[in-house]
N, C-alpha and C. Protein backbone atom coordinates (compact mmCIF):
# COMPACT_ATOMS: atom_id res chain seq x y z
N MET A 1 29.41 23.79 -9.06
CA MET A 1 30.49 24.08 -10.00
C MET A 1 30.15 23.46 -11.35
N THR A 2 30.17 24.25 -12.39
CA THR A 2 29.95 23.72 -13.73
C THR A 2 31.27 23.77 -14.48
N PRO A 3 31.49 22.78 -15.32
CA PRO A 3 32.75 22.73 -16.08
C PRO A 3 32.71 23.72 -17.22
N ALA A 4 33.83 23.81 -17.90
CA ALA A 4 33.87 24.58 -19.13
C ALA A 4 32.80 24.03 -20.05
N GLY A 5 32.59 24.67 -21.17
CA GLY A 5 31.54 24.27 -22.09
C GLY A 5 31.58 22.79 -22.46
N LEU A 6 30.44 22.31 -22.86
CA LEU A 6 30.30 20.93 -23.30
C LEU A 6 30.00 20.88 -24.79
N ILE A 7 30.36 19.77 -25.39
CA ILE A 7 29.94 19.48 -26.75
C ILE A 7 29.43 18.05 -26.78
N ILE A 8 28.52 17.80 -27.69
CA ILE A 8 28.12 16.42 -27.94
C ILE A 8 28.58 16.11 -29.36
N GLU A 9 29.24 14.97 -29.49
CA GLU A 9 29.79 14.58 -30.78
C GLU A 9 29.21 13.23 -31.19
N PRO A 10 28.92 13.05 -32.48
CA PRO A 10 28.39 11.77 -32.93
C PRO A 10 29.28 10.60 -32.49
N TRP A 11 28.65 9.52 -32.13
CA TRP A 11 29.31 8.31 -31.64
C TRP A 11 30.22 7.74 -32.72
N THR A 12 31.44 7.35 -32.33
CA THR A 12 32.40 6.75 -33.26
C THR A 12 32.97 5.47 -32.67
N ASN A 13 33.74 4.77 -33.46
CA ASN A 13 34.41 3.56 -32.99
C ASN A 13 35.25 3.82 -31.75
N GLU A 14 35.85 5.00 -31.67
CA GLU A 14 36.71 5.35 -30.53
C GLU A 14 35.94 5.46 -29.22
N ASP A 15 34.61 5.51 -29.28
CA ASP A 15 33.82 5.66 -28.07
C ASP A 15 33.54 4.34 -27.34
N LEU A 16 34.05 3.24 -27.87
CA LEU A 16 33.88 1.96 -27.19
C LEU A 16 34.51 2.01 -25.79
N GLY A 17 35.65 2.67 -25.66
CA GLY A 17 36.28 2.81 -24.35
C GLY A 17 35.40 3.56 -23.37
N LEU A 18 34.72 4.58 -23.83
CA LEU A 18 33.78 5.33 -22.98
C LEU A 18 32.63 4.41 -22.57
N LEU A 19 32.11 3.64 -23.50
CA LEU A 19 31.02 2.73 -23.18
C LEU A 19 31.45 1.73 -22.10
N ARG A 20 32.68 1.26 -22.18
CA ARG A 20 33.19 0.35 -21.14
C ARG A 20 33.29 1.06 -19.78
N ARG A 21 33.67 2.33 -19.78
CA ARG A 21 33.77 3.08 -18.52
C ARG A 21 32.39 3.31 -17.90
N ILE A 22 31.37 3.38 -18.74
CA ILE A 22 30.00 3.57 -18.26
C ILE A 22 29.42 2.25 -17.73
N ASN A 23 29.92 1.14 -18.22
CA ASN A 23 29.36 -0.18 -17.92
C ASN A 23 29.86 -0.72 -16.57
N THR A 24 29.51 -0.04 -15.51
CA THR A 24 29.92 -0.45 -14.16
C THR A 24 28.69 -0.69 -13.29
N PRO A 25 28.85 -1.43 -12.20
CA PRO A 25 27.69 -1.64 -11.32
C PRO A 25 27.08 -0.32 -10.82
N ALA A 26 27.90 0.63 -10.46
CA ALA A 26 27.37 1.91 -9.96
C ALA A 26 26.60 2.66 -11.05
N MET A 27 27.14 2.67 -12.27
CA MET A 27 26.50 3.41 -13.35
C MET A 27 25.24 2.70 -13.86
N LYS A 28 25.17 1.40 -13.72
CA LYS A 28 24.07 0.62 -14.28
C LYS A 28 23.10 0.08 -13.24
N LYS A 29 23.18 0.61 -12.01
CA LYS A 29 22.35 0.05 -10.94
C LYS A 29 20.86 0.24 -11.17
N HIS A 30 20.44 1.24 -11.93
CA HIS A 30 19.02 1.48 -12.17
C HIS A 30 18.51 0.78 -13.42
N VAL A 31 19.39 0.13 -14.16
CA VAL A 31 18.97 -0.51 -15.42
C VAL A 31 19.45 -1.95 -15.53
N GLY A 32 19.47 -2.65 -14.42
CA GLY A 32 19.74 -4.08 -14.46
C GLY A 32 21.18 -4.50 -14.33
N GLY A 33 22.09 -3.56 -14.11
CA GLY A 33 23.49 -3.92 -13.92
C GLY A 33 24.29 -3.91 -15.21
N PRO A 34 25.59 -4.12 -15.08
CA PRO A 34 26.48 -4.08 -16.24
C PRO A 34 26.16 -5.17 -17.27
N GLU A 35 26.52 -4.89 -18.49
CA GLU A 35 26.36 -5.85 -19.58
C GLU A 35 27.64 -6.66 -19.74
N THR A 36 27.51 -7.83 -20.36
CA THR A 36 28.69 -8.62 -20.70
C THR A 36 29.44 -7.91 -21.83
N GLU A 37 30.67 -8.32 -22.06
CA GLU A 37 31.45 -7.73 -23.15
C GLU A 37 30.74 -7.93 -24.49
N SER A 38 30.16 -9.10 -24.71
CA SER A 38 29.48 -9.33 -26.00
C SER A 38 28.24 -8.44 -26.12
N GLN A 39 27.50 -8.25 -25.04
CA GLN A 39 26.35 -7.34 -25.07
C GLN A 39 26.79 -5.90 -25.34
N LEU A 40 27.91 -5.53 -24.74
CA LEU A 40 28.45 -4.18 -24.93
C LEU A 40 28.84 -3.95 -26.38
N LEU A 41 29.46 -4.94 -27.00
CA LEU A 41 29.85 -4.81 -28.40
C LEU A 41 28.63 -4.70 -29.31
N VAL A 42 27.57 -5.42 -28.99
CA VAL A 42 26.32 -5.30 -29.76
C VAL A 42 25.74 -3.90 -29.61
N ARG A 43 25.74 -3.38 -28.38
CA ARG A 43 25.23 -2.02 -28.12
C ARG A 43 26.06 -1.00 -28.92
N HIS A 44 27.37 -1.12 -28.85
CA HIS A 44 28.26 -0.19 -29.55
C HIS A 44 27.98 -0.22 -31.06
N ALA A 45 27.84 -1.41 -31.62
CA ALA A 45 27.55 -1.53 -33.07
C ALA A 45 26.21 -0.89 -33.40
N ARG A 46 25.22 -1.06 -32.52
CA ARG A 46 23.91 -0.44 -32.75
C ARG A 46 24.04 1.08 -32.73
N TYR A 47 24.78 1.62 -31.77
CA TYR A 47 24.98 3.07 -31.72
C TYR A 47 25.63 3.59 -33.00
N LEU A 48 26.59 2.84 -33.52
CA LEU A 48 27.26 3.25 -34.76
C LEU A 48 26.31 3.23 -35.95
N ARG A 49 25.32 2.33 -35.93
CA ARG A 49 24.37 2.21 -37.05
C ARG A 49 23.24 3.23 -36.98
N PHE A 50 23.00 3.83 -35.85
CA PHE A 50 21.86 4.75 -35.71
C PHE A 50 21.74 5.74 -36.86
N PRO A 51 22.79 6.49 -37.21
CA PRO A 51 22.63 7.49 -38.28
C PRO A 51 22.28 6.88 -39.64
N THR A 52 22.91 5.75 -39.98
CA THR A 52 22.66 5.16 -41.30
C THR A 52 21.29 4.52 -41.38
N GLU A 53 20.77 4.05 -40.26
CA GLU A 53 19.43 3.45 -40.24
C GLU A 53 18.34 4.50 -40.04
N GLY A 54 18.74 5.72 -39.70
CA GLY A 54 17.76 6.80 -39.53
C GLY A 54 16.84 6.63 -38.35
N LEU A 55 17.25 5.88 -37.35
CA LEU A 55 16.38 5.61 -36.21
C LEU A 55 16.74 6.39 -34.96
N GLY A 56 17.74 7.22 -35.01
CA GLY A 56 18.14 7.98 -33.85
C GLY A 56 19.58 8.42 -33.95
N ARG A 57 20.14 8.80 -32.81
CA ARG A 57 21.51 9.28 -32.79
C ARG A 57 22.09 9.10 -31.40
N MET A 58 23.33 8.67 -31.34
CA MET A 58 24.05 8.56 -30.07
C MET A 58 25.23 9.51 -30.13
N PHE A 59 25.55 10.11 -28.98
CA PHE A 59 26.62 11.09 -28.89
C PHE A 59 27.50 10.79 -27.68
N SER A 60 28.76 11.14 -27.80
CA SER A 60 29.60 11.22 -26.61
C SER A 60 29.49 12.65 -26.10
N ILE A 61 29.53 12.79 -24.78
CA ILE A 61 29.54 14.12 -24.15
C ILE A 61 31.00 14.41 -23.83
N ARG A 62 31.48 15.57 -24.26
CA ARG A 62 32.89 15.90 -24.08
C ARG A 62 33.04 17.32 -23.53
N LEU A 63 34.11 17.49 -22.77
CA LEU A 63 34.46 18.84 -22.33
C LEU A 63 34.97 19.60 -23.55
N GLU A 64 34.45 20.77 -23.76
CA GLU A 64 34.78 21.54 -24.96
C GLU A 64 36.27 21.91 -25.03
N ASP A 65 36.84 22.28 -23.91
CA ASP A 65 38.22 22.77 -23.95
C ASP A 65 39.26 21.66 -24.12
N THR A 66 38.96 20.44 -23.65
CA THR A 66 39.95 19.36 -23.73
C THR A 66 39.53 18.21 -24.64
N GLY A 67 38.24 18.11 -24.95
CA GLY A 67 37.73 16.99 -25.72
C GLY A 67 37.58 15.72 -24.91
N GLU A 68 37.83 15.79 -23.60
CA GLU A 68 37.76 14.62 -22.74
C GLU A 68 36.32 14.10 -22.67
N PRO A 69 36.13 12.78 -22.89
CA PRO A 69 34.78 12.22 -22.79
C PRO A 69 34.34 12.12 -21.34
N VAL A 70 33.10 12.57 -21.07
CA VAL A 70 32.58 12.54 -19.71
C VAL A 70 31.24 11.80 -19.61
N GLY A 71 30.72 11.33 -20.75
CA GLY A 71 29.45 10.61 -20.71
C GLY A 71 28.90 10.40 -22.10
N SER A 72 27.64 9.96 -22.13
CA SER A 72 26.95 9.72 -23.39
C SER A 72 25.51 10.19 -23.27
N VAL A 73 24.93 10.49 -24.42
CA VAL A 73 23.53 10.90 -24.50
C VAL A 73 23.04 10.52 -25.88
N GLY A 74 21.78 10.15 -25.98
CA GLY A 74 21.26 9.81 -27.29
C GLY A 74 19.78 9.56 -27.27
N TYR A 75 19.27 9.34 -28.46
CA TYR A 75 17.85 9.05 -28.62
C TYR A 75 17.68 8.04 -29.75
N ALA A 76 16.62 7.27 -29.65
CA ALA A 76 16.33 6.27 -30.68
C ALA A 76 14.81 6.15 -30.83
N GLU A 77 14.41 5.81 -32.02
CA GLU A 77 12.98 5.63 -32.28
C GLU A 77 12.51 4.30 -31.71
N ARG A 78 11.31 4.32 -31.16
CA ARG A 78 10.64 3.13 -30.66
C ARG A 78 9.14 3.36 -30.73
N VAL A 79 8.37 2.34 -30.55
CA VAL A 79 6.92 2.48 -30.46
C VAL A 79 6.56 2.44 -28.98
N TRP A 80 5.82 3.44 -28.55
CA TRP A 80 5.37 3.52 -27.17
C TRP A 80 3.88 3.79 -27.19
N GLN A 81 3.12 2.90 -26.59
CA GLN A 81 1.66 3.02 -26.56
C GLN A 81 1.09 3.23 -27.97
N ASP A 82 1.56 2.38 -28.89
CA ASP A 82 1.10 2.33 -30.28
C ASP A 82 1.44 3.57 -31.10
N GLU A 83 2.41 4.35 -30.66
CA GLU A 83 2.81 5.56 -31.38
C GLU A 83 4.33 5.61 -31.50
N PRO A 84 4.83 5.95 -32.69
CA PRO A 84 6.29 6.11 -32.80
C PRO A 84 6.74 7.35 -32.03
N VAL A 85 7.77 7.17 -31.21
CA VAL A 85 8.33 8.26 -30.42
C VAL A 85 9.85 8.08 -30.40
N PHE A 86 10.55 9.11 -29.96
CA PHE A 86 11.96 8.98 -29.64
C PHE A 86 12.08 8.70 -28.14
N GLU A 87 12.99 7.81 -27.78
CA GLU A 87 13.33 7.54 -26.40
C GLU A 87 14.74 8.06 -26.16
N MET A 88 14.94 8.76 -25.06
CA MET A 88 16.24 9.35 -24.75
C MET A 88 16.85 8.74 -23.50
N GLY A 89 18.18 8.66 -23.50
CA GLY A 89 18.90 8.24 -22.31
C GLY A 89 20.24 8.93 -22.24
N TRP A 90 20.83 8.95 -21.05
CA TRP A 90 22.13 9.59 -20.85
C TRP A 90 22.87 8.92 -19.70
N ASN A 91 24.17 9.11 -19.71
CA ASN A 91 25.06 8.64 -18.65
C ASN A 91 26.17 9.66 -18.49
N VAL A 92 26.48 9.99 -17.26
CA VAL A 92 27.61 10.88 -16.97
C VAL A 92 28.50 10.13 -15.98
N LEU A 93 29.79 10.07 -16.30
CA LEU A 93 30.74 9.37 -15.44
C LEU A 93 30.71 9.96 -14.02
N PRO A 94 30.87 9.11 -13.00
CA PRO A 94 30.71 9.55 -11.61
C PRO A 94 31.51 10.79 -11.24
N GLU A 95 32.73 10.90 -11.71
CA GLU A 95 33.56 12.04 -11.32
C GLU A 95 33.07 13.37 -11.91
N TYR A 96 32.10 13.32 -12.82
CA TYR A 96 31.56 14.54 -13.44
C TYR A 96 30.10 14.78 -13.07
N GLN A 97 29.52 13.92 -12.27
CA GLN A 97 28.12 14.08 -11.89
C GLN A 97 27.95 15.26 -10.95
N GLY A 98 26.74 15.80 -10.92
CA GLY A 98 26.42 16.91 -10.03
C GLY A 98 26.87 18.27 -10.54
N ARG A 99 27.22 18.35 -11.82
CA ARG A 99 27.71 19.62 -12.39
C ARG A 99 26.79 20.15 -13.49
N GLY A 100 25.61 19.54 -13.67
CA GLY A 100 24.69 20.01 -14.70
C GLY A 100 24.98 19.47 -16.09
N ILE A 101 25.91 18.55 -16.19
CA ILE A 101 26.32 18.03 -17.50
C ILE A 101 25.18 17.26 -18.16
N ALA A 102 24.52 16.39 -17.42
CA ALA A 102 23.45 15.57 -18.02
C ALA A 102 22.35 16.45 -18.60
N GLY A 103 21.94 17.45 -17.87
CA GLY A 103 20.88 18.33 -18.35
C GLY A 103 21.27 19.11 -19.59
N ARG A 104 22.48 19.62 -19.59
CA ARG A 104 22.93 20.39 -20.75
C ARG A 104 23.09 19.50 -21.98
N ALA A 105 23.63 18.30 -21.78
CA ALA A 105 23.79 17.38 -22.91
C ALA A 105 22.43 16.87 -23.40
N ALA A 106 21.52 16.56 -22.48
CA ALA A 106 20.19 16.09 -22.87
C ALA A 106 19.43 17.18 -23.62
N SER A 107 19.58 18.43 -23.22
CA SER A 107 18.94 19.53 -23.95
C SER A 107 19.48 19.63 -25.37
N ALA A 108 20.78 19.48 -25.52
CA ALA A 108 21.39 19.55 -26.86
C ALA A 108 20.91 18.38 -27.73
N ALA A 109 20.84 17.19 -27.15
CA ALA A 109 20.37 16.02 -27.91
C ALA A 109 18.89 16.16 -28.25
N ALA A 110 18.09 16.72 -27.33
CA ALA A 110 16.67 16.94 -27.61
C ALA A 110 16.51 17.93 -28.77
N ALA A 111 17.34 18.96 -28.80
CA ALA A 111 17.29 19.91 -29.92
C ALA A 111 17.63 19.20 -31.23
N HIS A 112 18.60 18.30 -31.19
CA HIS A 112 18.96 17.53 -32.37
C HIS A 112 17.78 16.68 -32.83
N ALA A 113 17.11 16.01 -31.89
CA ALA A 113 15.94 15.20 -32.23
C ALA A 113 14.83 16.06 -32.82
N ALA A 114 14.61 17.24 -32.24
CA ALA A 114 13.58 18.14 -32.76
C ALA A 114 13.91 18.58 -34.18
N ASP A 115 15.18 18.83 -34.44
CA ASP A 115 15.60 19.28 -35.77
C ASP A 115 15.35 18.24 -36.87
N THR A 116 15.19 16.97 -36.48
CA THR A 116 14.89 15.96 -37.51
C THR A 116 13.50 16.18 -38.08
N GLY A 117 12.61 16.77 -37.30
CA GLY A 117 11.24 17.00 -37.74
C GLY A 117 10.43 15.72 -37.93
N ARG A 118 10.92 14.61 -37.43
CA ARG A 118 10.29 13.31 -37.70
C ARG A 118 9.17 12.95 -36.73
N LEU A 119 9.39 13.21 -35.45
CA LEU A 119 8.43 12.75 -34.45
C LEU A 119 8.08 13.89 -33.49
N ARG A 120 6.89 13.82 -32.92
CA ARG A 120 6.46 14.86 -32.01
C ARG A 120 7.04 14.69 -30.61
N TRP A 121 7.09 13.44 -30.12
CA TRP A 121 7.40 13.22 -28.71
C TRP A 121 8.77 12.60 -28.49
N LEU A 122 9.45 13.11 -27.49
CA LEU A 122 10.69 12.54 -26.97
C LEU A 122 10.39 12.10 -25.54
N HIS A 123 10.61 10.83 -25.25
CA HIS A 123 10.34 10.28 -23.92
C HIS A 123 11.65 9.90 -23.23
N ALA A 124 11.62 9.96 -21.92
CA ALA A 124 12.68 9.40 -21.08
C ALA A 124 11.99 8.57 -20.01
N PHE A 125 12.62 7.45 -19.65
CA PHE A 125 12.01 6.50 -18.72
C PHE A 125 12.94 6.15 -17.57
N PRO A 126 13.36 7.14 -16.78
CA PRO A 126 14.23 6.79 -15.65
C PRO A 126 13.47 6.00 -14.58
N SER A 127 14.18 5.13 -13.91
CA SER A 127 13.60 4.40 -12.79
C SER A 127 13.01 5.39 -11.79
N VAL A 128 11.92 5.01 -11.16
CA VAL A 128 11.33 5.89 -10.14
C VAL A 128 12.32 6.14 -9.00
N ASP A 129 13.30 5.25 -8.84
CA ASP A 129 14.30 5.38 -7.78
C ASP A 129 15.52 6.20 -8.19
N ASN A 130 15.57 6.64 -9.43
CA ASN A 130 16.73 7.38 -9.92
C ASN A 130 16.45 8.89 -9.83
N ALA A 131 16.60 9.42 -8.64
CA ALA A 131 16.28 10.83 -8.39
C ALA A 131 17.06 11.79 -9.30
N PRO A 132 18.37 11.60 -9.53
CA PRO A 132 19.08 12.54 -10.39
C PRO A 132 18.55 12.59 -11.82
N SER A 133 18.25 11.44 -12.41
CA SER A 133 17.74 11.44 -13.79
C SER A 133 16.33 12.02 -13.87
N ASN A 134 15.52 11.75 -12.86
CA ASN A 134 14.19 12.37 -12.83
C ASN A 134 14.30 13.89 -12.69
N ALA A 135 15.28 14.35 -11.91
CA ALA A 135 15.50 15.79 -11.78
C ALA A 135 15.95 16.42 -13.09
N VAL A 136 16.77 15.71 -13.85
CA VAL A 136 17.19 16.21 -15.17
C VAL A 136 15.96 16.40 -16.04
N CYS A 137 15.09 15.41 -16.09
CA CYS A 137 13.87 15.52 -16.91
C CYS A 137 13.06 16.75 -16.52
N ARG A 138 12.84 16.92 -15.24
CA ARG A 138 12.06 18.06 -14.75
C ARG A 138 12.73 19.38 -15.12
N ARG A 139 14.04 19.44 -14.90
CA ARG A 139 14.79 20.67 -15.10
C ARG A 139 14.80 21.12 -16.57
N ILE A 140 14.83 20.18 -17.50
CA ILE A 140 14.95 20.60 -18.91
C ILE A 140 13.61 20.67 -19.63
N GLY A 141 12.51 20.53 -18.87
CA GLY A 141 11.20 20.81 -19.46
C GLY A 141 10.36 19.63 -19.88
N PHE A 142 10.77 18.41 -19.52
CA PHE A 142 9.92 17.26 -19.78
C PHE A 142 8.69 17.35 -18.88
N GLU A 143 7.58 16.81 -19.35
CA GLU A 143 6.34 16.72 -18.60
C GLU A 143 6.22 15.29 -18.05
N LEU A 144 5.91 15.17 -16.77
CA LEU A 144 5.72 13.85 -16.18
C LEU A 144 4.35 13.32 -16.56
N VAL A 145 4.33 12.23 -17.32
CA VAL A 145 3.07 11.59 -17.73
C VAL A 145 2.57 10.70 -16.61
N GLY A 146 3.49 9.98 -15.94
CA GLY A 146 3.13 9.11 -14.84
C GLY A 146 4.08 7.93 -14.74
N GLU A 147 3.79 7.04 -13.81
CA GLU A 147 4.61 5.84 -13.65
C GLU A 147 4.16 4.77 -14.63
N CYS A 148 5.11 3.89 -14.98
CA CYS A 148 4.81 2.80 -15.90
C CYS A 148 5.78 1.65 -15.65
N ASP A 149 5.44 0.50 -16.17
CA ASP A 149 6.38 -0.61 -16.20
C ASP A 149 7.07 -0.56 -17.55
N PHE A 150 8.39 -0.41 -17.53
CA PHE A 150 9.16 -0.20 -18.74
C PHE A 150 10.19 -1.31 -18.88
N GLU A 151 10.28 -1.87 -20.09
CA GLU A 151 11.21 -2.97 -20.33
C GLU A 151 12.57 -2.42 -20.76
N PHE A 152 13.53 -2.54 -19.86
CA PHE A 152 14.91 -2.17 -20.16
C PHE A 152 15.82 -2.75 -19.08
N PRO A 153 16.82 -3.45 -19.51
CA PRO A 153 17.08 -3.93 -20.86
C PRO A 153 16.04 -4.97 -21.26
N PRO A 154 16.05 -5.40 -22.54
CA PRO A 154 15.05 -6.39 -22.98
C PRO A 154 14.99 -7.59 -22.03
N GLY A 155 13.75 -7.94 -21.67
CA GLY A 155 13.54 -9.06 -20.77
C GLY A 155 13.46 -8.68 -19.30
N ARG A 156 13.73 -7.40 -18.98
CA ARG A 156 13.68 -6.96 -17.58
C ARG A 156 12.78 -5.73 -17.48
N PHE A 157 11.74 -5.84 -16.67
CA PHE A 157 10.84 -4.71 -16.47
C PHE A 157 11.22 -3.96 -15.20
N MET A 158 11.13 -2.66 -15.27
CA MET A 158 11.41 -1.84 -14.09
C MET A 158 10.31 -0.79 -13.96
N ARG A 159 10.11 -0.34 -12.74
CA ARG A 159 9.13 0.72 -12.49
C ARG A 159 9.81 2.04 -12.84
N SER A 160 9.22 2.74 -13.79
CA SER A 160 9.83 3.97 -14.31
C SER A 160 8.83 5.11 -14.29
N ASN A 161 9.38 6.30 -14.38
CA ASN A 161 8.57 7.47 -14.67
C ASN A 161 8.61 7.68 -16.17
N ASP A 162 7.46 7.98 -16.75
CA ASP A 162 7.36 8.30 -18.17
C ASP A 162 7.33 9.82 -18.30
N TRP A 163 8.43 10.36 -18.78
CA TRP A 163 8.55 11.79 -19.02
C TRP A 163 8.49 12.02 -20.53
N ARG A 164 7.85 13.09 -20.96
CA ARG A 164 7.84 13.39 -22.40
C ARG A 164 8.04 14.88 -22.64
N LEU A 165 8.63 15.12 -23.80
CA LEU A 165 8.93 16.48 -24.24
C LEU A 165 8.34 16.64 -25.63
N ASP A 166 7.58 17.70 -25.83
CA ASP A 166 6.99 17.99 -27.14
C ASP A 166 8.05 18.64 -28.01
N LEU A 167 8.47 17.93 -29.06
CA LEU A 167 9.53 18.42 -29.93
C LEU A 167 9.05 19.46 -30.93
N THR A 168 7.75 19.70 -30.98
CA THR A 168 7.23 20.70 -31.91
C THR A 168 7.16 22.09 -31.29
N ARG A 169 7.48 22.20 -29.99
CA ARG A 169 7.44 23.52 -29.34
C ARG A 169 8.67 24.32 -29.66
């Protein structure tokens, strides 16, 4: 079952509540667990600064017909293997998982990243144990580069798959 249409909207101050809903043990089990309130506020402020700093973009995922927030998706610039790339991540609230939302939102965010014309590669680094996120990467056309040790959150390394999408295609 797929929901009515989706939209991705630029991250705003009002999305702090959504970020708190995402910050649960179940939602964060593949990335080191929930963050403290102070860490969450730092993350939220960083998401708000993305457009003005020109380093990426964060979006809330919303149901088109109601505007209800159902998750987040975004990308940010980083250096990976000595090359500037965009890194992408997404979260879909548990009650909306399994409906194709992550893939559709990630495709829309990837198109946004491509439209910047700034970088060739968009990477995603889901844990090797996160089957749904790895399936999203495969489904929307990312190429599996291989496994790697990826630092996320800072100070914690996890075994991840390195997926990349050529934004010039």
